[in-house]
Amino acid sequence: MLANKCWQTLSRYSFCCVAFCICLVISFKSLASTQLQSRWQQVESLGKDQSVYFYAWGGDAQINAYIQWAAQQVKAKYNINLVHVKLSDTSEAVSRVLAEKSANNNDKGSVDLIWINGANFATMSEHSLLLKQWANKLPNFSYTDPDNNPAVNFDFGIPTNGMEAPWGQASLTFYYDSLAIDGTANNTLPKTLNQLLSWSAQNPGRFSYPKPPDFLGMSFLKYALVMLHQQSDDTLKAQLNQLATAQNTAQVLNPLWDFLNKLHPTLWRGGKHFMQSGAQMRRLVGDTELSIAFTFSAPEVPAAVKRYDLPKSIRSYAMQDGSLSNTHFVAIPYNASHAQSAQLVANFLLSPEAQAQKQKASIWGDKSVLIQSTLTPQQQALFKTTQPHPSALPLNSIKRTLNEPHPSWVNAIMQGWQTRFGVSQ
């Protein structure tokens, strides 16, 4: 009897404790939500009617046109004058902010917003050049479902700590001339790195890649490096996600040099001459000198076919052994003159409207970072597509994505490549 009474008392006590904890959690969440709303109202109030200098790569006409569209939207929404400062290399903006910090310009910086990822983010983070803990407080950041989609909180494996707002996702996409690769013996479309090596040996001079430090050429080398370590033991494979050091560089990169020693003699011009850029590689495909090439901007391919820069026989595909993929972001320097205005722009770039517009193949074709399950049916409808172009990458082609190595490997690869193959033009 006594035991039964004690049990009833304990049960009532436990129930009260659970109820109290639930009320406490709800109260904390409600308080946090109220604080975020209050913070955002202040950002909106201070950010209107200003200019935002957006330093972003300007080498693609489609992307430039999209940024101009975004400028028109934030002008109508917030009376913000969004100025696209076109860069040939993002490191130019990094150097500018670094120089301003050296000159003790800590609050009137010339850069308000930067399109960034990878090594440039690592550099700015290391030198404390970025505004912290703002991106994860943007209202539209919740559409990325960060709890179940951690990729939006890491840049090449480095935690973003709220310093970057995700903008889009890209994957290495290959394309080929279907008339040149006809599926006959010794001329079957290569769908893995090993098959590419064999195909190039059987069809010499029909493939190559831009010389590093070109972004696309470096992307091909990173794809090869990651694939070559797929069968390595876990300890060695883990080095790809860690700093490149004097101790681990040779062990990690030697398989890549061995692979390139086999591949280069089979390349265009015997691997003794490399093109300078992805645009030059695309022209060589258009001139039928090359039969296979690759891009990090899949919609670039159908767009080039429509412009008659590439023949109608071009088709896109993803490698079956994996596609090197990454997320790209926008960030705000610590000394930005218009930090609140830049947050308004970044939040708009994360909106379903802006992400859906960006994902259209005819506009840019950059994959959205938003998770569909977080959107309303009306917002999801914005992402519906029409019949894709025959040369476009078919939907759901990418079966396996490959993470980028740690940013420090870019410099290690470039230096090693220059030492071994840099005599080429």
Foldseek 3Di string as FASTA:
>chain_A
DVVVVVVVVVVVVVVVVVVVVVVVVVVVVVVVVVVLVVVLVVLLVQQAQEEAEEEEADPDPLVVVLVVVLQVVCCVVRVYRYHYDHDNDQVVVLVQLVVCVVVVLQAAGPHFKYWDAFPSLVVCVVVVFFDAQDQCSQPLLVLLVCVVNVQQQAGLNHGCRRQWGFQFKWWKKKKFQCVQQPCDPLRHDAQAPVSVLSSLQSVFAQDDWAAPPAVGRLQVLQRVLLLLCPVPDPVLNCCLADADDPVNLCVSCVSSVVSCVSRQCRHRVRNQAHHHYLVVVLQCQQVVSHGMDIDRQQLVFVVCCVVSSHPLSMAMAHRPVAIAMHTITMGGTSRYNNNSNSSVSRSVSSDLQNQLQCCASVRRNTHHSGDLVVDDPVSNVSNDYDDDRRRGYDPPRGPHHDRGGRSNVSVSVNVVCCVPRVVGD
